[in-house]
Amino acid sequence: MAEIANSATPWPEEAMENYRWLDEYLQKQPATEKEFQPAWQAYKYLLKGKMYAFIGVNDQNGRPIITLKLEPAFSEMLRREYADVVPGYYMNKQHWSTAYLDGELPREVLGDMVRASHKALLSSLSKKVQREIMGEDQNNI
């Protein structure tokens, strides 16, 4: 996450050091690509060019956030259970949820959210692309 703590972002290195594990975890998801979105001052995590997560700062309160595309039922459950999970910041409120990274949300829950977001996007892709991403033999169905 060295890129997060560079002059291209408004975030001080010491603040982002706390989230290195999350950046690394996101990048370990199969076929994930990371890119900086200057207009948002955020990092996007993509699967085949489609975003499933981003890490940035809420420009209204300055708090660090991760926003993830999730199944609506999972989002609703998380929002009821955790005060630090709210409807997606500047996104479709039904399909995206934002978690405040400086809050009380357990790492395990953040990990579950990342996996669920990646899985939801992966399942929306064609079976052929899914097999390519997961490294399966394309001759097996």
Protein backbone atom coordinates (compact mmCIF):
# COMPACT_ATOMS: atom_id res chain seq x y z
CA MET A 1 0.00 0.00 0.00
CA ALA A 2 2.99 2.21 -0.46
CA GLU A 3 1.13 3.84 -3.33
CA ILE A 4 -1.62 4.96 -0.96
CA ALA A 5 0.87 6.90 1.11
CA ASN A 6 2.29 8.97 -1.71
CA SER A 7 1.95 12.53 -2.90
CA ALA A 8 -0.95 11.61 -5.21
CA THR A 9 -3.27 11.23 -2.22
CA PRO A 10 -4.29 13.60 0.55
CA TRP A 11 -3.76 10.91 3.17
CA PRO A 12 -0.81 10.97 5.56
CA GLU A 13 1.26 7.79 5.53
CA GLU A 14 0.73 7.11 9.23
CA ALA A 15 -3.05 7.20 8.79
CA MET A 16 -3.05 4.75 5.90
CA GLU A 17 -0.59 2.35 7.52
CA ASN A 18 -3.52 1.03 9.57
CA TYR A 19 -5.21 -0.15 6.37
CA ARG A 20 -2.27 -1.82 4.64
CA TRP A 21 -3.70 -5.26 5.49
CA LEU A 22 -7.00 -4.36 3.79
CA ASP A 23 -5.30 -3.15 0.60
CA GLU A 24 -3.22 -6.34 0.51
CA TYR A 25 -6.30 -8.48 1.15
CA LEU A 26 -8.22 -6.80 -1.66
CA GLN A 27 -5.31 -7.32 -4.06
CA LYS A 28 -5.16 -11.03 -3.15
CA GLN A 29 -8.67 -11.57 -4.50
CA PRO A 30 -8.40 -13.40 -7.85
CA ALA A 31 -7.81 -11.17 -10.89
CA THR A 32 -8.13 -7.94 -8.89
CA GLU A 33 -6.65 -4.81 -10.43
CA LYS A 34 -6.01 -1.66 -8.42
CA GLU A 35 -6.03 1.84 -9.81
CA PHE A 36 -6.05 5.33 -8.39
CA GLN A 37 -9.05 7.51 -9.26
CA PRO A 38 -7.75 11.12 -9.00
CA ALA A 39 -11.20 12.74 -9.12
CA TRP A 40 -12.27 10.71 -6.09
CA GLN A 41 -8.88 10.68 -4.36
CA ALA A 42 -9.57 6.97 -3.90
CA TYR A 43 -8.25 3.58 -4.92
CA LYS A 44 -10.56 1.39 -6.98
CA TYR A 45 -10.39 -2.40 -6.95
CA LEU A 46 -11.59 -3.90 -10.19
CA LEU A 47 -12.43 -7.30 -11.61
CA LYS A 48 -12.33 -7.38 -15.42
CA GLY A 49 -12.66 -3.59 -15.46
CA LYS A 50 -15.68 -3.51 -13.14
CA MET A 51 -15.33 -1.95 -9.72
CA TYR A 52 -16.24 -3.97 -6.65
CA ALA A 53 -14.58 -1.82 -3.96
CA PHE A 54 -12.87 1.46 -3.29
CA ILE A 55 -10.92 2.93 -0.40
CA GLY A 56 -10.94 6.65 0.14
CA VAL A 57 -11.94 9.42 2.49
CA ASN A 58 -15.47 10.68 3.07
CA ASP A 59 -15.21 14.30 1.95
CA GLN A 60 -18.03 15.35 4.28
CA ASN A 61 -16.46 14.17 7.54
CA GLY A 62 -12.86 13.28 6.60
CA ARG A 63 -13.17 9.69 7.82
CA PRO A 64 -11.45 6.84 5.92
CA ILE A 65 -13.89 4.51 4.18
CA ILE A 66 -14.20 1.40 2.10
CA THR A 67 -17.21 1.09 -0.17
CA LEU A 68 -18.17 -2.34 -1.50
CA LYS A 69 -20.79 -3.71 -3.87
CA LEU A 70 -22.82 -6.26 -1.92
CA GLU A 71 -26.01 -8.24 -2.19
CA PRO A 72 -28.82 -6.05 -0.79
CA ALA A 73 -29.84 -8.53 1.94
CA PHE A 74 -26.24 -8.79 3.20
CA SER A 75 -25.91 -4.98 3.17
CA GLU A 76 -29.11 -4.57 5.19
CA MET A 77 -27.98 -7.12 7.76
CA LEU A 78 -24.60 -5.41 8.16
CA ARG A 79 -26.21 -1.97 8.48
CA ARG A 80 -28.54 -3.22 11.22
CA GLU A 81 -25.73 -4.91 13.14
CA TYR A 82 -22.90 -2.36 12.78
CA ALA A 83 -23.17 1.41 13.17
CA ASP A 84 -20.03 1.83 11.03
CA VAL A 85 -21.70 0.28 7.97
CA VAL A 86 -23.90 2.76 6.11
CA PRO A 87 -25.45 3.05 2.64
CA GLY A 88 -22.86 3.44 -0.11
CA TYR A 89 -21.11 6.79 -0.23
CA TYR A 90 -22.05 8.47 -3.55
CA MET A 91 -23.25 5.10 -4.86
CA ASN A 92 -26.49 3.17 -5.37
CA LYS A 93 -27.66 2.76 -1.77
CA GLN A 94 -29.25 -0.63 -2.40
CA HIS A 95 -26.19 -2.35 -3.89
CA TRP A 96 -23.30 -0.53 -2.23
CA SER A 97 -22.34 -0.22 1.42
CA THR A 98 -19.69 1.96 3.02
CA ALA A 99 -17.76 0.96 6.14
CA TYR A 100 -15.87 3.49 8.23
CA LEU A 101 -12.36 2.14 8.65
CA ASP A 102 -11.68 4.08 11.83
CA GLY A 103 -14.74 2.63 13.57
CA GLU A 104 -15.46 -0.51 15.55
CA LEU A 105 -16.04 -2.91 12.65
CA PRO A 106 -14.03 -6.13 13.23
CA ARG A 107 -11.40 -7.08 10.65
CA GLU A 108 -13.14 -10.43 10.14
CA VAL A 109 -16.31 -8.62 9.08
CA LEU A 110 -14.38 -6.40 6.67
CA GLY A 111 -12.78 -9.54 5.23
CA ASP A 112 -16.20 -11.14 4.81
CA MET A 113 -17.44 -8.00 3.06
CA VAL A 114 -14.47 -8.01 0.65
CA ARG A 115 -14.97 -11.69 -0.22
CA ALA A 116 -18.72 -11.21 -0.68
CA SER A 117 -18.20 -8.19 -2.93
CA HIS A 118 -15.64 -9.98 -5.10
CA LYS A 119 -17.81 -13.11 -5.27
CA ALA A 120 -20.92 -11.11 -6.25
CA LEU A 121 -19.13 -9.42 -9.13
CA LEU A 122 -17.42 -12.66 -10.19
CA SER A 123 -20.78 -14.45 -10.33
CA SER A 124 -22.14 -11.75 -12.65
CA LEU A 125 -19.48 -12.55 -15.26
CA SER A 126 -19.83 -15.23 -17.90
CA LYS A 127 -19.00 -18.82 -16.92
CA LYS A 128 -16.05 -18.76 -19.33
CA VAL A 129 -14.58 -15.66 -17.69
CA GLN A 130 -15.23 -17.10 -14.24
CA ARG A 131 -13.26 -20.23 -15.17
CA GLU A 132 -10.40 -18.12 -16.55
CA ILE A 133 -10.25 -16.07 -13.36
CA MET A 134 -10.40 -19.04 -11.05
CA GLY A 135 -7.71 -20.84 -13.09
CA GLU A 136 -9.84 -23.83 -13.95
CA ASP A 137 -9.33 -25.97 -17.01
CA GLN A 138 -11.63 -24.47 -19.63
CA ASN A 139 -12.40 -27.92 -21.04
CA ASN A 140 -14.14 -28.91 -17.83
CA ILE A 141 -17.62 -27.61 -17.27
